[in-house]
C-alpha atoms as a PDB file:
ATOM      1  CA  MET A   1       0.000   0.000   0.000  1.00  0.00           C
ATOM      2  CA  SER A   2       1.753   3.128  -1.209  1.00  0.00           C
ATOM      3  CA  TYR A   3       1.616   6.539  -2.823  1.00  0.00           C
ATOM      4  CA  ASP A   4       2.481   6.269  -6.521  1.00  0.00           C
ATOM      5  CA  LEU A   5       3.201   9.292  -8.687  1.00  0.00           C
ATOM      6  CA  PHE A   6       3.882   8.928 -12.410  1.00  0.00           C
ATOM      7  CA  MET A   7       5.763  11.478 -14.505  1.00  0.00           C
ATOM      8  CA  LYS A   8       6.855  12.247 -18.039  1.00  0.00           C
ATOM      9  CA  PRO A   9       8.979  14.964 -19.657  1.00  0.00           C
ATOM     10  CA  ARG A  10       7.095  17.809 -21.272  1.00  0.00           C
ATOM     11  CA  LEU A  11       9.425  17.412 -24.227  1.00  0.00           C
ATOM     12  CA  GLY A  12      11.857  14.688 -25.214  1.00  0.00           C
ATOM     13  CA  THR A  13      13.085  11.896 -22.953  1.00  0.00           C
ATOM     14  CA  ILE A  14      15.327  11.454 -19.906  1.00  0.00           C
ATOM     15  CA  THR A  15      18.322   9.231 -20.477  1.00  0.00           C
ATOM     16  CA  ARG A  16      19.643   6.857 -17.848  1.00  0.00           C
ATOM     17  CA  GLU A  17      22.789   9.009 -17.617  1.00  0.00           C
ATOM     18  CA  GLU A  18      20.735  12.138 -16.871  1.00  0.00           C
ATOM     19  CA  PHE A  19      18.748  10.221 -14.262  1.00  0.00           C
ATOM     20  CA  LEU A  20      21.955   9.023 -12.579  1.00  0.00           C
ATOM     21  CA  ARG A  21      23.558  12.457 -12.699  1.00  0.00           C
ATOM     22  CA  HIS A  22      20.629  14.132 -10.950  1.00  0.00           C
ATOM     23  CA  PHE A  23      20.648  11.813  -7.950  1.00  0.00           C
ATOM     24  CA  ALA A  24      24.434  11.641  -7.722  1.00  0.00           C
ATOM     25  CA  SER A  25      24.402  15.339  -6.829  1.00  0.00           C
ATOM     26  CA  ARG A  26      21.868  14.941  -3.989  1.00  0.00           C
ATOM     27  CA  ALA A  27      22.258  13.631  -0.442  1.00  0.00           C
ATOM     28  CA  HIS A  28      20.911  10.335   0.928  1.00  0.00           C
ATOM     29  CA  TYR A  29      20.551   8.468  -2.374  1.00  0.00           C
ATOM     30  CA  GLU A  30      22.002   5.010  -2.839  1.00  0.00           C
ATOM     31  CA  ASP A  31      21.718   2.002  -5.137  1.00  0.00           C
ATOM     32  CA  VAL A  32      21.173   4.381  -8.034  1.00  0.00           C
ATOM     33  CA  GLY A  33      20.605   2.635 -11.343  1.00  0.00           C
ATOM     34  CA  ASP A  34      17.201   2.641 -12.947  1.00  0.00           C
ATOM     35  CA  GLN A  35      16.014   3.103  -9.370  1.00  0.00           C
ATOM     36  CA  ALA A  36      17.207   5.785  -6.974  1.00  0.00           C
ATOM     37  CA  TRP A  37      16.607   4.878  -3.325  1.00  0.00           C
ATOM     38  CA  TYR A  38      16.499   7.705  -0.810  1.00  0.00           C
ATOM     39  CA  ARG A  39      17.397   6.597   2.724  1.00  0.00           C
ATOM     40  CA  ASN A  40      18.058   9.231   5.373  1.00  0.00           C
ATOM     41  CA  LYS A  41      19.798   7.473   8.256  1.00  0.00           C
ATOM     42  CA  ASP A  42      19.129  10.374  10.624  1.00  0.00           C
ATOM     43  CA  THR A  43      15.364  10.609  10.061  1.00  0.00           C
ATOM     44  CA  GLY A  44      14.590   7.048   8.943  1.00  0.00           C
ATOM     45  CA  VAL A  45      12.695   8.286   5.871  1.00  0.00           C
ATOM     46  CA  TYR A  46      12.922   6.290   2.641  1.00  0.00           C
ATOM     47  CA  PHE A  47      11.309   6.292  -0.808  1.00  0.00           C
ATOM     48  CA  VAL A  48      12.259   5.534  -4.398  1.00  0.00           C
ATOM     49  CA  PHE A  49      12.292   7.108  -7.867  1.00  0.00           C
ATOM     50  CA  GLU A  50      12.320   4.814 -10.889  1.00  0.00           C
ATOM     51  CA  ARG A  51      13.065   5.242 -14.556  1.00  0.00           C
ATOM     52  CA  SER A  52      11.740   2.805 -17.152  1.00  0.00           C
ATOM     53  CA  ASP A  53      11.656   2.607 -20.932  1.00  0.00           C
ATOM     54  CA  THR A  54       7.963   1.640 -20.741  1.00  0.00           C
ATOM     55  CA  THR A  55       4.971   2.701 -18.684  1.00  0.00           C
ATOM     56  CA  PRO A  56       4.786   0.830 -15.330  1.00  0.00           C
ATOM     57  CA  SER A  57       1.958  -1.712 -15.128  1.00  0.00           C
ATOM     58  CA  ASN A  58       0.313   0.150 -12.235  1.00  0.00           C
ATOM     59  CA  ALA A  59       0.311   3.542 -13.961  1.00  0.00           C
ATOM     60  CA  PRO A  60      -3.068   5.113 -14.762  1.00  0.00           C
ATOM     61  CA  ASP A  61      -4.255   4.890 -18.356  1.00  0.00           C
ATOM     62  CA  SER A  62      -3.423   8.217 -19.941  1.00  0.00           C
ATOM     63  CA  GLY A  63      -4.791   7.319 -23.346  1.00  0.00           C
ATOM     64  CA  GLU A  64      -1.451   8.083 -24.926  1.00  0.00           C
ATOM     65  CA  SER A  65       1.196   5.898 -26.475  1.00  0.00           C
ATOM     66  CA  GLU A  66       3.164   3.166 -24.709  1.00  0.00           C
ATOM     67  CA  GLY A  67       6.052   4.586 -22.746  1.00  0.00           C
ATOM     68  CA  ASP A  68       4.410   7.971 -22.112  1.00  0.00           C
ATOM     69  CA  LEU A  69       4.812   7.700 -18.292  1.00  0.00           C
ATOM     70  CA  PRO A  70       8.372   6.377 -17.946  1.00  0.00           C
ATOM     71  CA  LEU A  71       9.129   7.871 -14.515  1.00  0.00           C
ATOM     72  CA  SER A  72       7.632   7.071 -11.141  1.00  0.00           C
ATOM     73  CA  PHE A  73       7.936   7.889  -7.467  1.00  0.00           C
ATOM     74  CA  ASN A  74       6.841   5.565  -4.656  1.00  0.00           C
ATOM     75  CA  ILE A  75       6.543   5.988  -0.891  1.00  0.00           C
ATOM     76  CA  ASN A  76       4.828   3.601   1.531  1.00  0.00           C
ATOM     77  CA  TYR A  77       1.661   4.367   3.458  1.00  0.00           C
ATOM     78  CA  PHE A  78       1.020   3.528   7.151  1.00  0.00           C
ATOM     79  CA  ARG A  79       4.017   5.638   8.066  1.00  0.00           C
ATOM     80  CA  PRO A  80       4.584   8.658  10.322  1.00  0.00           C
ATOM     81  CA  SER A  81       3.149  11.814   8.736  1.00  0.00           C
ATOM     82  CA  PHE A  82       6.580  13.414   8.329  1.00  0.00           C
ATOM     83  CA  PHE A  83       7.540  10.912   5.596  1.00  0.00           C
ATOM     84  CA  GLY A  84       5.596  12.918   3.014  1.00  0.00           C
ATOM     85  CA  LYS A  85       7.028  16.218   4.242  1.00  0.00           C
ATOM     86  CA  GLU A  86      10.589  15.031   3.714  1.00  0.00           C
ATOM     87  CA  ALA A  87       9.762  13.535   0.328  1.00  0.00           C
ATOM     88  CA  GLU A  88       8.065  16.604  -1.182  1.00  0.00           C
ATOM     89  CA  PRO A  89      11.187  18.767  -1.755  1.00  0.00           C
ATOM     90  CA  GLU A  90      12.869  15.812  -3.470  1.00  0.00           C
ATOM     91  CA  VAL A  91       9.878  15.246  -5.752  1.00  0.00           C
ATOM     92  CA  GLN A  92       9.710  18.960  -6.546  1.00  0.00           C
ATOM     93  CA  ALA A  93      13.443  19.129  -7.344  1.00  0.00           C
ATOM     94  CA  PHE A  94      13.209  16.136  -9.688  1.00  0.00           C
ATOM     95  CA  ILE A  95      10.203  17.567 -11.527  1.00  0.00           C
ATOM     96  CA  ARG A  96      11.790  21.004 -11.890  1.00  0.00           C
ATOM     97  CA  GLN A  97      15.089  19.578 -13.078  1.00  0.00           C
ATOM     98  CA  PHE A  98      13.483  17.734 -16.002  1.00  0.00           C
ATOM     99  CA  ASP A  99      10.357  19.877 -16.597  1.00  0.00           C
ATOM    100  CA  LEU A 100       7.967  16.998 -15.923  1.00  0.00           C
ATOM    101  CA  LEU A 101       4.215  16.612 -16.076  1.00  0.00           C
ATOM    102  CA  VAL A 102       2.559  14.311 -13.541  1.00  0.00           C
ATOM    103  CA  SER A 103      -0.215  11.779 -13.306  1.00  0.00           C
ATOM    104  CA  ASP A 104      -1.401  11.460  -9.703  1.00  0.00           C
ATOM    105  CA  PRO A 105      -4.170   8.893  -9.070  1.00  0.00           C
ATOM    106  CA  GLN A 106      -4.480   9.621  -5.326  1.00  0.00           C
ATOM    107  CA  ILE A 107      -7.838  10.840  -4.007  1.00  0.00           C
ATOM    108  CA  GLY A 108      -7.563  14.590  -3.547  1.00  0.00           C
ATOM    109  CA  GLY A 109      -4.251  14.585  -5.386  1.00  0.00           C
ATOM    110  CA  MET A 110      -3.103  16.493  -8.461  1.00  0.00           C
ATOM    111  CA  GLY A 111      -4.682  14.443 -11.216  1.00  0.00           C
ATOM    112  CA  THR A 112      -2.941  14.885 -14.576  1.00  0.00           C
ATOM    113  CA  GLY A 113      -0.920  17.940 -15.533  1.00  0.00           C
ATOM    114  CA  GLU A 114       1.268  20.333 -13.582  1.00  0.00           C
ATOM    115  CA  TYR A 115       2.891  19.461 -10.275  1.00  0.00           C
ATOM    116  CA  ASN A 116       1.513  21.172  -7.165  1.00  0.00           C
ATOM    117  CA  SER A 117       3.335  20.911  -3.826  1.00  0.00           C
ATOM    118  CA  ALA A 118       0.258  21.532  -1.669  1.00  0.00           C
ATOM    119  CA  LYS A 119      -1.795  18.933  -3.532  1.00  0.00           C
ATOM    120  CA  PHE A 120       1.042  16.419  -3.264  1.00  0.00           C
ATOM    121  CA  LEU A 121       0.975  16.788   0.521  1.00  0.00           C
ATOM    122  CA  ILE A 122      -2.840  16.562   0.587  1.00  0.00           C
ATOM    123  CA  GLY A 123      -2.767  13.412  -1.542  1.00  0.00           C
ATOM    124  CA  TRP A 124      -0.061  11.899   0.647  1.00  0.00           C
ATOM    125  CA  ALA A 125      -1.932  12.713   3.870  1.00  0.00           C
ATOM    126  CA  ASN A 126      -5.219  11.310   2.552  1.00  0.00           C
ATOM    127  CA  GLY A 127      -3.592   8.144   1.284  1.00  0.00           C
ATOM    128  CA  ASN A 128      -1.522   7.652   4.418  1.00  0.00           C
ATOM    129  CA  GLU A 129      -4.639   7.953   6.583  1.00  0.00           C
ATOM    130  CA  PHE A 130      -6.402   5.461   4.307  1.00  0.00           C
ATOM    131  CA  GLY A 131      -3.490   3.106   4.987  1.00  0.00           C
ATOM    132  CA  TYR A 132      -4.002   3.474   8.737  1.00  0.00           C
ATOM    133  CA  ARG A 133      -7.728   2.828   8.358  1.00  0.00           C
ATOM    134  CA  ALA A 134      -7.350  -0.207   6.094  1.00  0.00           C
ATOM    135  CA  ILE A 135      -4.704  -1.905   8.236  1.00  0.00           C
ATOM    136  CA  LEU A 136      -6.348  -1.179  11.579  1.00  0.00           C
ATOM    137  CA  GLN A 137      -9.731  -2.374  10.366  1.00  0.00           C
ATOM    138  CA  GLN A 138      -8.098  -5.724   9.609  1.00  0.00           C
ATOM    139  CA  ASP A 139      -6.560  -5.944  13.093  1.00  0.00           C
ATOM    140  CA  SER A 140      -7.457  -3.152  15.478  1.00  0.00           C
ATOM    141  CA  GLU A 141      -5.790  -4.881  18.438  1.00  0.00           C
ATOM    142  CA  GLN A 142      -2.308  -5.286  16.992  1.00  0.00           C
ATOM    143  CA  ALA A 143       0.509  -3.952  19.149  1.00  0.00           C
ATOM    144  CA  LEU A 144       1.846  -0.687  17.777  1.00  0.00           C
ATOM    145  CA  PHE A 145       4.260   1.990  18.894  1.00  0.00           C
ATOM    146  CA  THR A 146       2.859   5.513  18.719  1.00  0.00           C
ATOM    147  CA  ALA A 147       3.716   9.088  19.663  1.00  0.00           C
ATOM    148  CA  PRO A 148       1.803  12.357  19.254  1.00  0.00           C
ATOM    149  CA  GLU A 149       2.102  13.866  15.776  1.00  0.00           C
ATOM    150  CA  LEU A 150       3.617  17.073  17.176  1.00  0.00           C
ATOM    151  CA  GLU A 151       6.351  15.144  18.998  1.00  0.00           C
ATOM    152  CA  LEU A 152       7.129  13.116  15.877  1.00  0.00           C
ATOM    153  CA  GLU A 153       7.339  16.315  13.827  1.00  0.00           C
ATOM    154  CA  GLN A 154       9.683  17.982  16.321  1.00  0.00           C
ATOM    155  CA  ILE A 155      11.954  14.932  16.430  1.00  0.00           C
ATOM    156  CA  TRP A 156      11.969  14.697  12.641  1.00  0.00           C
ATOM    157  CA  ARG A 157      12.920  18.371  12.288  1.00  0.00           C
ATOM    158  CA  TRP A 158      15.751  17.953  14.810  1.00  0.00           C
ATOM    159  CA  ASN A 159      17.128  14.900  13.008  1.00  0.00           C
ATOM    160  CA  PHE A 160      16.630  16.399   9.533  1.00  0.00           C
ATOM    161  CA  LYS A 161      18.688  19.478  10.471  1.00  0.00           C
ATOM    162  CA  ARG A 162      21.172  17.643  12.690  1.00  0.00           C
ATOM    163  CA  LEU A 163      24.149  17.777  10.320  1.00  0.00           C
ATOM    164  CA  GLU A 164      23.485  21.437   9.545  1.00  0.00           C
ATOM    165  CA  VAL A 165      23.353  22.256  13.253  1.00  0.00           C
ATOM    166  CA  GLN A 166      26.480  20.172  13.898  1.00  0.00           C
ATOM    167  CA  ALA A 167      28.342  22.292  11.347  1.00  0.00           C
ATOM    168  CA  MET A 168      27.019  25.442  13.015  1.00  0.00           C
ATOM    169  CA  VAL A 169      28.121  24.555  16.568  1.00  0.00           C
ATOM    170  CA  GLY A 170      31.428  23.052  15.417  1.00  0.00           C
ATOM    171  CA  GLU A 171      33.441  20.032  16.473  1.00  0.00           C
ATOM    172  CA  SER A 172      33.664  21.119  20.093  1.00  0.00           C
ATOM    173  CA  HIS A 173      30.110  19.909  20.733  1.00  0.00           C
ATOM    174  CA  PHE A 174      28.302  16.720  19.763  1.00  0.00           C
ATOM    175  CA  VAL A 175      24.807  16.967  18.226  1.00  0.00           C
ATOM    176  CA  PRO A 176      23.080  13.597  18.751  1.00  0.00           C
ATOM    177  CA  ARG A 177      20.337  12.007  16.689  1.00  0.00           C
ATOM    178  CA  ILE A 178      17.030  11.441  18.495  1.00  0.00           C
ATOM    179  CA  PHE A 179      15.738   7.868  18.364  1.00  0.00           C
ATOM    180  CA  PHE A 180      13.092   5.795  20.125  1.00  0.00           C
ATOM    181  CA  LEU A 181      13.502   3.113  22.768  1.00  0.00           C
ATOM    182  CA  ASN A 182      11.012   0.452  23.780  1.00  0.00           C
ATOM    183  CA  ILE A 183      10.509   1.195  27.474  1.00  0.00           C
ATOM    184  CA  ASP A 184       7.948  -1.147  29.027  1.00  0.00           C
ATOM    185  CA  GLY A 185       6.088  -1.410  25.719  1.00  0.00           C
ATOM    186  CA  ASP A 186       6.002   2.328  24.991  1.00  0.00           C
ATOM    187  CA  ALA A 187       8.056   4.387  22.533  1.00  0.00           C
ATOM    188  CA  LYS A 188      10.237   6.855  24.416  1.00  0.00           C
ATOM    189  CA  SER A 189      12.566   9.407  22.825  1.00  0.00           C
ATOM    190  CA  ALA A 190      16.275   9.211  23.635  1.00  0.00           C
ATOM    191  CA  VAL A 191      19.750  10.396  22.658  1.00  0.00           C
ATOM    192  CA  VAL A 192      23.205   9.083  23.381  1.00  0.00           C
ATOM    193  CA  TRP A 193      25.403  11.206  25.651  1.00  0.00           C
ATOM    194  CA  PRO A 194      28.703   9.319  25.924  1.00  0.00           C
ATOM    195  CA  ASP A 195      30.674  10.167  29.078  1.00  0.00           C
ATOM    196  CA  ALA A 196      28.635  13.398  29.375  1.00  0.00           C
ATOM    197  CA  ILE A 197      30.746  15.006  26.654  1.00  0.00           C
ATOM    198  CA  PRO A 198      30.041  18.619  25.619  1.00  0.00           C
ATOM    199  CA  SER A 199      26.886  18.362  23.528  1.00  0.00           C
ATOM    200  CA  LEU A 200      23.834  20.142  22.223  1.00  0.00           C
ATOM    201  CA  LEU A 201      21.117  18.105  23.904  1.00  0.00           C
ATOM    202  CA  PRO A 202      17.455  18.172  22.893  1.00  0.00           C
ATOM    203  CA  LYS A 203      14.840  17.561  25.567  1.00  0.00           C
ATOM    204  CA  VAL A 204      14.011  13.861  25.352  1.00  0.00           C
ATOM    205  CA  ALA A 205      12.642  11.220  27.680  1.00  0.00           C
ATOM    206  CA  TYR A 206      15.969   9.426  28.271  1.00  0.00           C
ATOM    207  CA  LEU A 207      19.706   9.926  28.013  1.00  0.00           C
ATOM    208  CA  VAL A 208      21.712   6.838  27.069  1.00  0.00           C
ATOM    209  CA  VAL A 209      25.090   7.404  28.698  1.00  0.00           C
ATOM    210  CA  GLY A 210      27.905   5.169  27.590  1.00  0.00           C
ATOM    211  CA  ARG A 211      30.355   5.322  30.468  1.00  0.00           C
ATOM    212  CA  ARG A 212      34.040   4.756  29.934  1.00  0.00           C
ATOM    213  CA  GLU A 213      35.908   7.560  31.667  1.00  0.00           C
ATOM    214  CA  LEU A 214      32.935   8.112  33.998  1.00  0.00           C
ATOM    215  CA  ALA A 215      32.150   4.484  34.781  1.00  0.00           C
ATOM    216  CA  PRO A 216      32.036   3.819  38.556  1.00  0.00           C
ATOM    217  CA  LYS A 217      35.027   1.942  39.912  1.00  0.00           C
ATOM    218  CA  ARG A 218      34.284  -1.584  41.086  1.00  0.00           C
ATOM    219  CA  LEU A 219      36.780  -3.701  43.009  1.00  0.00           C
ATOM    220  CA  PHE A 220      39.641  -1.350  42.151  1.00  0.00           C
ATOM    221  CA  ARG A 221      38.922  -1.462  38.421  1.00  0.00           C
ATOM    222  CA  GLN A 222      36.884   0.572  36.014  1.00  0.00           C
ATOM    223  CA  ALA A 223      34.773  -1.256  33.421  1.00  0.00           C
ATOM    224  CA  SER A 224      32.828   0.402  30.621  1.00  0.00           C
ATOM    225  CA  ASP A 225      29.051   0.179  30.837  1.00  0.00           C
ATOM    226  CA  THR A 226      25.841   2.009  29.921  1.00  0.00           C
ATOM    227  CA  ALA A 227      23.448   3.927  32.157  1.00  0.00           C
ATOM    228  CA  LEU A 228      19.926   5.029  31.280  1.00  0.00           C
ATOM    229  CA  ILE A 229      19.065   8.386  32.837  1.00  0.00           C
ATOM    230  CA  ALA A 230      15.584   9.891  32.669  1.00  0.00           C
ATOM    231  CA  TRP A 231      15.488  13.515  31.562  1.00  0.00           C
ATOM    232  CA  TRP A 232      13.741  14.626  34.737  1.00  0.00           C
ATOM    233  CA  GLN A 233      16.664  13.257  36.742  1.00  0.00           C
ATOM    234  CA  ALA A 234      19.227  15.207  34.693  1.00  0.00           C
ATOM    235  CA  GLU A 235      17.383  18.380  33.723  1.00  0.00           C
ATOM    236  CA  ARG A 236      18.449  20.587  36.646  1.00  0.00           C
ATOM    237  CA  VAL A 237      22.139  19.789  36.194  1.00  0.00           C
ATOM    238  CA  ILE A 238      21.902  20.209  32.416  1.00  0.00           C
ATOM    239  CA  ARG A 239      20.192  23.595  32.749  1.00  0.00           C
ATOM    240  CA  ASP A 240      22.823  24.737  35.256  1.00  0.00           C
ATOM    241  CA  HIS A 241      25.597  24.191  32.703  1.00  0.00           C
ATOM    242  CA  SER A 242      23.967  25.182  29.418  1.00  0.00           C
ATOM    243  CA  SER A 243      22.472  27.898  27.288  1.00  0.00           C
ATOM    244  CA  THR A 244      19.494  27.330  24.999  1.00  0.00           C
ATOM    245  CA  THR A 245      20.224  27.423  21.275  1.00  0.00           C
ATOM    246  CA  GLY A 246      19.214  25.516  18.173  1.00  0.00           C
ATOM    247  CA  GLY A 247      16.227  24.029  19.961  1.00  0.00           C
ATOM    248  CA  GLY A 248      18.363  22.368  22.620  1.00  0.00           C
ATOM    249  CA  PHE A 249      20.703  22.844  25.577  1.00  0.00           C
ATOM    250  CA  LEU A 250      24.277  23.731  24.625  1.00  0.00           C
ATOM    251  CA  LEU A 251      26.511  22.527  27.437  1.00  0.00           C
ATOM    252  CA  ASN A 252      29.059  25.216  28.289  1.00  0.00           C
ATOM    253  CA  TYR A 253      31.957  23.125  29.561  1.00  0.00           C
ATOM    254  CA  SER A 254      34.954  21.471  27.939  1.00  0.00           C
ATOM    255  CA  ALA A 255      35.096  18.688  30.558  1.00  0.00           C
ATOM    256  CA  PRO A 256      32.201  17.452  32.719  1.00  0.00           C
ATOM    257  CA  PRO A 257      32.040  19.404  36.016  1.00  0.00           C
ATOM    258  CA  ARG A 258      31.704  17.643  39.365  1.00  0.00           C
ATOM    259  CA  ASP A 259      27.895  17.621  39.601  1.00  0.00           C
ATOM    260  CA  VAL A 260      27.599  16.206  36.071  1.00  0.00           C
ATOM    261  CA  VAL A 261      30.099  13.483  36.938  1.00  0.00           C
ATOM    262  CA  GLU A 262      28.180  12.697  40.128  1.00  0.00           C
ATOM    263  CA  LEU A 263      24.912  12.496  38.192  1.00  0.00           C
ATOM    264  CA  VAL A 264      26.336  10.091  35.636  1.00  0.00           C
ATOM    265  CA  ARG A 265      28.106   7.883  38.185  1.00  0.00           C
ATOM    266  CA  SER A 266      25.109   7.711  40.511  1.00  0.00           C
ATOM    267  CA  HIS A 267      23.105   5.455  38.184  1.00  0.00           C
ATOM    268  CA  LEU A 268      23.356   1.699  38.096  1.00  0.00           C
ATOM    269  CA  PRO A 269      24.590   0.169  34.862  1.00  0.00           C
ATOM    270  CA  ARG A 270      21.972  -1.118  32.480  1.00  0.00           C
ATOM    271  CA  LYS A 271      21.917  -4.918  32.673  1.00  0.00           C
ATOM    272  CA  GLU A 272      19.375  -5.634  29.945  1.00  0.00           C
ATOM    273  CA  PRO A 273      20.172  -4.553  26.365  1.00  0.00           C
ATOM    274  CA  LEU A 274      18.268  -1.516  25.180  1.00  0.00           C
ATOM    275  CA  GLN A 275      15.697  -2.144  22.461  1.00  0.00           C
ATOM    276  CA  GLY A 276      15.535   0.528  19.790  1.00  0.00           C
ATOM    277  CA  ILE A 277      12.527   1.128  17.559  1.00  0.00           C
ATOM    278  CA  ALA A 278      12.822   1.947  13.868  1.00  0.00           C
ATOM    279  CA  ALA A 279      11.649   5.441  12.942  1.00  0.00           C
ATOM    280  CA  ASP A 280       9.020   4.117  10.524  1.00  0.00           C
ATOM    281  CA  ALA A 281       7.477   1.965  13.281  1.00  0.00           C
ATOM    282  CA  VAL A 282       6.465   4.834  15.586  1.00  0.00           C
ATOM    283  CA  LEU A 283       3.127   5.942  14.158  1.00  0.00           C
ATOM    284  CA  ASP A 284       0.945   9.006  14.648  1.00  0.00           C
ATOM    285  CA  ALA A 285      -0.977   8.410  17.879  1.00  0.00           C
ATOM    286  CA  GLU A 286      -3.944  10.490  16.719  1.00  0.00           C
ATOM    287  CA  LEU A 287      -4.440   8.475  13.510  1.00  0.00           C
ATOM    288  CA  VAL A 288      -4.066   5.153  15.306  1.00  0.00           C
ATOM    289  CA  ALA A 289      -6.603   6.159  17.968  1.00  0.00           C
ATOM    290  CA  LYS A 290      -9.027   7.487  15.337  1.00  0.00           C
ATOM    291  CA  HIS A 291      -9.069   4.345  13.215  1.00  0.00           C
ATOM    292  CA  ARG A 292      -8.917   1.850  16.040  1.00  0.00           C
ATOM    293  CA  THR A 293     -12.228   3.207  17.278  1.00  0.00           C
ATOM    294  CA  ALA A 294     -13.827   3.904  13.883  1.00  0.00           C
ATOM    295  CA  PRO A 295     -16.655   1.543  12.821  1.00  0.00           C
ATOM    296  CA  ASN A 296     -15.873  -0.883  10.017  1.00  0.00           C
END
C-alpha cells in the first residue's frame, strides 16, 4: 500500500545518464541505477524514484502511447506523517530539473498535468490515513508503537537538520540524533550522551550514557558500561551548565564538572540490552486512535 506518482517529460526523454547524474548530486541516495533509493539514516525516511523505458503496469491509463509515463515515485503508506514532508522537496526538485508533467491517481491529489506541492501533501496525507484505516480495520488490536504527531514532527525536524546544526556549533560539541527506545512497551525518545561530553542536547525522555571515563570503579577497576538516565533526573544539572540554542541545551563546559560526573556515576549500569525502535514503526498516535475506534 503506497503513494504512486507517475511522470513524463514535457518534451523529449530522460536518459539513464541524466537520471543518474541528478541523484548523484543529492544527499541520501544510494543504489542508483534505474532506481534511486532515498534513505536518510538520521530521520529514517525512505522512498524511491524509478526510470523505465515503458509505462509501469500500475500507472493510470493516460490514453497516450506506450512509454508515455516512464518515470515514477513511490513511498509507503502507514508511516509517520513526516515521511511525506521530507519527500516533497525531493519530488519537486526532480520535476523542476526535467520539466515533468505528472499523473497522480491519489484521491484529492493532483490528477494529470502540472505538479503542485500543496496537492502532493494533501494526496499523501489522505492516502496515508487510508493506509491506517485499512490496516487497523483488519486488526485493530495489533501492538503498535505511537507518539503524538507534534512530537514526531519535532523529532523529525531535529534529526533532519542535525548535520546542519552540527556544522554550526562546530566540532567542540556533539549533536546527537534522536531515536526511540522500547521502554515497558512504549516508545520513548532518547539520545546518546557518551561520558557526558560537551553536547547540544534536545529535551528527550531518556539519556543513554555510555560510560568509559565516567564508569564507577568496582573492586579497584573501572569497566565500561551504559546507564539510562531519565530527563527529569538530569534536567536541573543540564540547565545549570547550558544555554538554549538551536532548539536544545548547549553545554558550556569542555570537561564534565563535578555535579555532572556525580549524576552520571550515581546510576546503576543497564543490565538488559536496550531495544531501539525503527523510525518508521512509531506511528501518529492520533491516527491510530481514530481508526482503532472507527466503525468498520
